Amino acid sequence: MAISNDEVTAMARLARLAIDPDDIPGYAEQLSGILAFVARMDEVDTQSVEPLAHPLDLSARLRPDQVTESDQRDLFQSIAPEVERGLYLVPKVIE
């Protein structure tokens, strides 16, 4: 599939990209090459290939679900500008 210079210009406008007019033919050629490569990949027979979640057959290492830090909420809230009933109070942003 060949991309025209007008299509490159339209895509650049939609993407809000400024492209030098002298570079447009090069971009058209490169984009056409990418689409040709994708079209070639569509021709590959993948019927016998099982979908993969991950290319390596590894299981996730799990760690024990244990508390590793002490509760420091009171310490952190003691230096906060405003706290009420265990919650940080912040200035109203939306009226």
C-alpha atoms as a PDB file:
ATOM      1  CA  MET A   1       0.000   0.000   0.000  1.00  0.00           C
ATOM      2  CA  ALA A   2       1.549   3.264  -1.066  1.00  0.00           C
ATOM      3  CA  ILE A   3       1.059   6.412   0.995  1.00  0.00           C
ATOM      4  CA  SER A   4       0.766   9.641  -0.985  1.00  0.00           C
ATOM      5  CA  ASN A   5       2.307  12.964  -0.074  1.00  0.00           C
ATOM      6  CA  ASP A   6      -1.175  14.360   0.556  1.00  0.00           C
ATOM      7  CA  GLU A   7      -1.877  11.563   3.057  1.00  0.00           C
ATOM      8  CA  VAL A   8       1.383  12.300   4.884  1.00  0.00           C
ATOM      9  CA  THR A   9       0.413  15.961   5.051  1.00  0.00           C
ATOM     10  CA  ALA A  10      -3.040  15.064   6.381  1.00  0.00           C
ATOM     11  CA  MET A  11      -1.585  12.710   9.018  1.00  0.00           C
ATOM     12  CA  ALA A  12       0.908  15.361  10.122  1.00  0.00           C
ATOM     13  CA  ARG A  13      -1.894  17.898  10.459  1.00  0.00           C
ATOM     14  CA  LEU A  14      -4.014  15.469  12.516  1.00  0.00           C
ATOM     15  CA  ALA A  15      -1.030  14.689  14.742  1.00  0.00           C
ATOM     16  CA  ARG A  16      -0.240  18.394  15.041  1.00  0.00           C
ATOM     17  CA  LEU A  17       3.265  17.837  13.634  1.00  0.00           C
ATOM     18  CA  ALA A  18       5.162  20.401  11.620  1.00  0.00           C
ATOM     19  CA  ILE A  19       6.898  18.691   8.697  1.00  0.00           C
ATOM     20  CA  ASP A  20       9.269  20.350   6.281  1.00  0.00           C
ATOM     21  CA  PRO A  21       7.705  20.023   2.801  1.00  0.00           C
ATOM     22  CA  ASP A  22      11.028  18.694   1.462  1.00  0.00           C
ATOM     23  CA  ASP A  23      10.817  15.749   3.912  1.00  0.00           C
ATOM     24  CA  ILE A  24       7.299  14.644   2.930  1.00  0.00           C
ATOM     25  CA  PRO A  25       8.337  12.280   0.099  1.00  0.00           C
ATOM     26  CA  GLY A  26      10.773  10.509   2.440  1.00  0.00           C
ATOM     27  CA  TYR A  27       8.096  10.068   5.080  1.00  0.00           C
ATOM     28  CA  ALA A  28       5.680   8.752   2.460  1.00  0.00           C
ATOM     29  CA  GLU A  29       8.240   6.171   1.334  1.00  0.00           C
ATOM     30  CA  GLN A  30       9.041   5.079   4.903  1.00  0.00           C
ATOM     31  CA  LEU A  31       5.384   4.779   5.903  1.00  0.00           C
ATOM     32  CA  SER A  32       4.643   2.812   2.733  1.00  0.00           C
ATOM     33  CA  GLY A  33       7.498   0.445   3.631  1.00  0.00           C
ATOM     34  CA  ILE A  34       6.090  -0.077   7.125  1.00  0.00           C
ATOM     35  CA  LEU A  35       2.629  -0.868   5.760  1.00  0.00           C
ATOM     36  CA  ALA A  36       4.140  -3.267   3.196  1.00  0.00           C
ATOM     37  CA  PHE A  37       5.973  -5.066   6.005  1.00  0.00           C
ATOM     38  CA  VAL A  38       2.769  -5.375   8.036  1.00  0.00           C
ATOM     39  CA  ALA A  39       0.978  -6.738   4.960  1.00  0.00           C
ATOM     40  CA  ARG A  40       3.708  -9.379   4.601  1.00  0.00           C
ATOM     41  CA  MET A  41       3.238 -10.359   8.245  1.00  0.00           C
ATOM     42  CA  ASP A  42      -0.499 -10.843   7.620  1.00  0.00           C
ATOM     43  CA  GLU A  43       0.380 -13.568   5.106  1.00  0.00           C
ATOM     44  CA  VAL A  44       2.116 -15.736   7.728  1.00  0.00           C
ATOM     45  CA  ASP A  45       0.109 -18.835   8.687  1.00  0.00           C
ATOM     46  CA  THR A  46      -0.421 -18.731  12.464  1.00  0.00           C
ATOM     47  CA  GLN A  47      -3.215 -21.304  12.728  1.00  0.00           C
ATOM     48  CA  SER A  48      -1.035 -23.851  14.543  1.00  0.00           C
ATOM     49  CA  VAL A  49       0.530 -21.309  16.926  1.00  0.00           C
ATOM     50  CA  GLU A  50      -0.917 -21.085  20.431  1.00  0.00           C
ATOM     51  CA  PRO A  51      -1.333 -17.592  21.889  1.00  0.00           C
ATOM     52  CA  LEU A  52       1.150 -16.709  24.638  1.00  0.00           C
ATOM     53  CA  ALA A  53       0.765 -14.555  27.691  1.00  0.00           C
ATOM     54  CA  HIS A  54       4.552 -14.417  28.024  1.00  0.00           C
ATOM     55  CA  PRO A  55       7.334 -15.739  25.765  1.00  0.00           C
ATOM     56  CA  LEU A  56       9.071 -17.526  28.647  1.00  0.00           C
ATOM     57  CA  ASP A  57       7.410 -20.358  30.546  1.00  0.00           C
ATOM     58  CA  LEU A  58       8.075 -18.928  34.010  1.00  0.00           C
ATOM     59  CA  SER A  59       5.894 -18.623  37.057  1.00  0.00           C
ATOM     60  CA  ALA A  60       5.862 -15.490  39.164  1.00  0.00           C
ATOM     61  CA  ARG A  61       7.924 -15.634  42.316  1.00  0.00           C
ATOM     62  CA  LEU A  62       5.625 -15.058  45.258  1.00  0.00           C
ATOM     63  CA  ARG A  63       6.655 -13.747  48.634  1.00  0.00           C
ATOM     64  CA  PRO A  64       4.857 -14.322  51.915  1.00  0.00           C
ATOM     65  CA  ASP A  65       2.144 -11.770  52.647  1.00  0.00           C
ATOM     66  CA  GLN A  66       3.734 -10.267  55.738  1.00  0.00           C
ATOM     67  CA  VAL A  67       3.887  -6.735  57.131  1.00  0.00           C
ATOM     68  CA  THR A  68       7.417  -5.426  56.612  1.00  0.00           C
ATOM     69  CA  GLU A  69       7.039  -1.837  57.874  1.00  0.00           C
ATOM     70  CA  SER A  70       5.761  -0.458  61.131  1.00  0.00           C
ATOM     71  CA  ASP A  71       2.675   1.776  61.298  1.00  0.00           C
ATOM     72  CA  GLN A  72       3.973   5.367  61.187  1.00  0.00           C
ATOM     73  CA  ARG A  73       0.705   7.143  60.390  1.00  0.00           C
ATOM     74  CA  ASP A  74       0.693   9.188  63.597  1.00  0.00           C
ATOM     75  CA  LEU A  75       4.277  10.303  62.993  1.00  0.00           C
ATOM     76  CA  PHE A  76       3.552  11.387  59.426  1.00  0.00           C
ATOM     77  CA  GLN A  77       0.310  13.119  60.345  1.00  0.00           C
ATOM     78  CA  SER A  78       1.995  14.992  63.183  1.00  0.00           C
ATOM     79  CA  ILE A  79       3.956  17.033  60.616  1.00  0.00           C
ATOM     80  CA  ALA A  80       1.024  17.534  58.209  1.00  0.00           C
ATOM     81  CA  PRO A  81      -0.477  21.050  58.028  1.00  0.00           C
ATOM     82  CA  GLU A  82      -4.048  19.863  58.678  1.00  0.00           C
ATOM     83  CA  VAL A  83      -5.446  16.487  59.748  1.00  0.00           C
ATOM     84  CA  GLU A  84      -8.936  15.508  60.818  1.00  0.00           C
ATOM     85  CA  ARG A  85      -9.993  12.032  62.060  1.00  0.00           C
ATOM     86  CA  GLY A  86      -6.934  10.389  60.482  1.00  0.00           C
ATOM     87  CA  LEU A  87      -7.345  12.101  57.090  1.00  0.00           C
ATOM     88  CA  TYR A  88      -5.154  14.737  55.472  1.00  0.00           C
ATOM     89  CA  LEU A  89      -7.037  17.954  54.749  1.00  0.00           C
ATOM     90  CA  VAL A  90      -6.170  19.853  51.570  1.00  0.00           C
ATOM     91  CA  PRO A  91      -7.408  23.180  50.209  1.00  0.00           C
ATOM     92  CA  LYS A  92     -10.520  23.074  48.038  1.00  0.00           C
ATOM     93  CA  VAL A  93      -9.481  23.213  44.371  1.00  0.00           C
ATOM     94  CA  ILE A  94     -12.843  23.076  42.562  1.00  0.00           C
ATOM     95  CA  GLU A  95     -15.653  25.414  43.470  1.00  0.00           C
END
